[in-house]
Amino acid sequence: MEKYESAEPVNLGSGREISIRDLMILVARLCKFPGEIVWDSTKPDGQPRRCLDTTRARNEFGWSAKTTLEDGLAKTIAWYEANAK
């Protein structure tokens, strides 16, 4: 990144597409969320899924994710739980 001179953004991620619903279910499971998840169908649908294009990271830096989305979320949640005050 120190030598990246472009103003173009660089996405860092797994490149794996996931639906917002599946992401929510994954985060809830990893957080051991005991509650009920309720979808408000009166709200706009918004973006139903998310997938970052990581081509620029690969082309500019030779970078690709070595950590899966689930493992990265689990590590992030564990860090937060250990450091939240």
C-alpha atoms as a PDB file:
ATOM      1  CA  MET A   1       0.000   0.000   0.000  1.00  0.00           C
ATOM      2  CA  GLU A   2       2.901   2.351   0.595  1.00  0.00           C
ATOM      3  CA  LYS A   3       3.627   2.363  -3.148  1.00  0.00           C
ATOM      4  CA  TYR A   4       0.005   2.495  -4.369  1.00  0.00           C
ATOM      5  CA  GLU A   5      -0.372   5.849  -6.122  1.00  0.00           C
ATOM      6  CA  SER A   6      -3.921   5.566  -7.494  1.00  0.00           C
ATOM      7  CA  ALA A   7      -7.023   7.193  -6.027  1.00  0.00           C
ATOM      8  CA  GLU A   8      -9.046   4.115  -7.017  1.00  0.00           C
ATOM      9  CA  PRO A   9     -10.315   2.106  -4.034  1.00  0.00           C
ATOM     10  CA  VAL A  10      -8.974  -1.378  -3.367  1.00  0.00           C
ATOM     11  CA  ASN A  11     -11.398  -3.950  -1.961  1.00  0.00           C
ATOM     12  CA  LEU A  12      -9.975  -6.481   0.464  1.00  0.00           C
ATOM     13  CA  GLY A  13     -12.167  -9.511   1.025  1.00  0.00           C
ATOM     14  CA  SER A  14     -12.715 -13.145   0.263  1.00  0.00           C
ATOM     15  CA  GLY A  15     -14.355 -12.534  -3.105  1.00  0.00           C
ATOM     16  CA  ARG A  16     -17.133 -14.880  -1.968  1.00  0.00           C
ATOM     17  CA  GLU A  17     -20.690 -13.746  -2.583  1.00  0.00           C
ATOM     18  CA  ILE A  18     -23.040 -14.037   0.384  1.00  0.00           C
ATOM     19  CA  SER A  19     -26.639 -13.017   0.829  1.00  0.00           C
ATOM     20  CA  ILE A  20     -27.383 -10.455   3.520  1.00  0.00           C
ATOM     21  CA  ARG A  21     -29.678 -13.027   5.167  1.00  0.00           C
ATOM     22  CA  ASP A  22     -26.934 -15.690   5.226  1.00  0.00           C
ATOM     23  CA  LEU A  23     -24.441 -13.145   6.569  1.00  0.00           C
ATOM     24  CA  MET A  24     -26.845 -12.189   9.346  1.00  0.00           C
ATOM     25  CA  ILE A  25     -27.416 -15.846  10.233  1.00  0.00           C
ATOM     26  CA  LEU A  26     -23.650 -16.464  10.282  1.00  0.00           C
ATOM     27  CA  VAL A  27     -22.943 -13.465  12.531  1.00  0.00           C
ATOM     28  CA  ALA A  28     -25.800 -14.413  14.874  1.00  0.00           C
ATOM     29  CA  ARG A  29     -24.463 -17.979  15.148  1.00  0.00           C
ATOM     30  CA  LEU A  30     -20.881 -16.870  15.774  1.00  0.00           C
ATOM     31  CA  CYS A  31     -22.054 -14.368  18.421  1.00  0.00           C
ATOM     32  CA  LYS A  32     -24.245 -17.050  20.007  1.00  0.00           C
ATOM     33  CA  PHE A  33     -27.205 -14.672  19.648  1.00  0.00           C
ATOM     34  CA  PRO A  34     -30.088 -16.279  21.539  1.00  0.00           C
ATOM     35  CA  GLY A  35     -32.820 -14.005  20.242  1.00  0.00           C
ATOM     36  CA  GLU A  36     -35.239 -14.228  17.383  1.00  0.00           C
ATOM     37  CA  ILE A  37     -34.401 -12.492  14.135  1.00  0.00           C
ATOM     38  CA  VAL A  38     -37.375 -10.728  12.597  1.00  0.00           C
ATOM     39  CA  TRP A  39     -37.370  -9.361   9.055  1.00  0.00           C
ATOM     40  CA  ASP A  40     -39.384  -6.200   8.450  1.00  0.00           C
ATOM     41  CA  SER A  41     -40.888  -6.854   5.032  1.00  0.00           C
ATOM     42  CA  THR A  42     -42.289  -3.301   4.875  1.00  0.00           C
ATOM     43  CA  LYS A  43     -38.787  -1.907   4.356  1.00  0.00           C
ATOM     44  CA  PRO A  44     -37.145  -1.682   0.933  1.00  0.00           C
ATOM     45  CA  ASP A  45     -35.212  -4.754  -0.095  1.00  0.00           C
ATOM     46  CA  GLY A  46     -31.956  -2.904  -0.566  1.00  0.00           C
ATOM     47  CA  GLN A  47     -29.012  -4.957  -1.724  1.00  0.00           C
ATOM     48  CA  PRO A  48     -29.859  -8.659  -1.351  1.00  0.00           C
ATOM     49  CA  ARG A  49     -26.268  -9.884  -1.461  1.00  0.00           C
ATOM     50  CA  ARG A  50     -22.722  -8.632  -1.291  1.00  0.00           C
ATOM     51  CA  CYS A  51     -19.565  -9.636  -3.120  1.00  0.00           C
ATOM     52  CA  LEU A  52     -16.433  -7.511  -3.292  1.00  0.00           C
ATOM     53  CA  ASP A  53     -14.440  -7.415  -6.487  1.00  0.00           C
ATOM     54  CA  THR A  54     -10.914  -8.076  -5.248  1.00  0.00           C
ATOM     55  CA  THR A  55      -9.300  -8.031  -8.694  1.00  0.00           C
ATOM     56  CA  ARG A  56      -7.443  -4.762  -8.071  1.00  0.00           C
ATOM     57  CA  ALA A  57      -5.862  -6.099  -4.857  1.00  0.00           C
ATOM     58  CA  ARG A  58      -4.681  -9.196  -6.711  1.00  0.00           C
ATOM     59  CA  ASN A  59      -3.386  -7.217  -9.717  1.00  0.00           C
ATOM     60  CA  GLU A  60      -1.756  -4.347  -7.798  1.00  0.00           C
ATOM     61  CA  PHE A  61      -0.370  -6.196  -4.780  1.00  0.00           C
ATOM     62  CA  GLY A  62      -0.593  -9.902  -5.558  1.00  0.00           C
ATOM     63  CA  TRP A  63      -2.923 -10.109  -2.558  1.00  0.00           C
ATOM     64  CA  SER A  64      -5.667 -12.641  -2.021  1.00  0.00           C
ATOM     65  CA  ALA A  65      -7.488 -13.608   1.162  1.00  0.00           C
ATOM     66  CA  LYS A  66      -6.006 -16.478   3.130  1.00  0.00           C
ATOM     67  CA  THR A  67      -8.726 -16.364   5.787  1.00  0.00           C
ATOM     68  CA  THR A  68     -12.298 -17.432   5.094  1.00  0.00           C
ATOM     69  CA  LEU A  69     -15.173 -15.079   5.837  1.00  0.00           C
ATOM     70  CA  GLU A  70     -16.370 -17.302   8.691  1.00  0.00           C
ATOM     71  CA  ASP A  71     -12.910 -17.570  10.272  1.00  0.00           C
ATOM     72  CA  GLY A  72     -12.327 -13.825   9.925  1.00  0.00           C
ATOM     73  CA  LEU A  73     -15.670 -13.005  11.523  1.00  0.00           C
ATOM     74  CA  ALA A  74     -15.025 -15.487  14.333  1.00  0.00           C
ATOM     75  CA  LYS A  75     -11.625 -13.895  15.048  1.00  0.00           C
ATOM     76  CA  THR A  76     -13.101 -10.384  14.911  1.00  0.00           C
ATOM     77  CA  ILE A  77     -15.920 -11.325  17.291  1.00  0.00           C
ATOM     78  CA  ALA A  78     -13.476 -13.020  19.683  1.00  0.00           C
ATOM     79  CA  TRP A  79     -11.246  -9.928  19.680  1.00  0.00           C
ATOM     80  CA  TYR A  80     -14.211  -7.641  20.318  1.00  0.00           C
ATOM     81  CA  GLU A  81     -15.501  -9.787  23.160  1.00  0.00           C
ATOM     82  CA  ALA A  82     -12.042  -9.832  24.753  1.00  0.00           C
ATOM     83  CA  ASN A  83     -11.522  -6.081  24.364  1.00  0.00           C
ATOM     84  CA  ALA A  84     -14.984  -4.513  24.768  1.00  0.00           C
ATOM     85  CA  LYS A  85     -15.363  -2.457  27.911  1.00  0.00           C
END
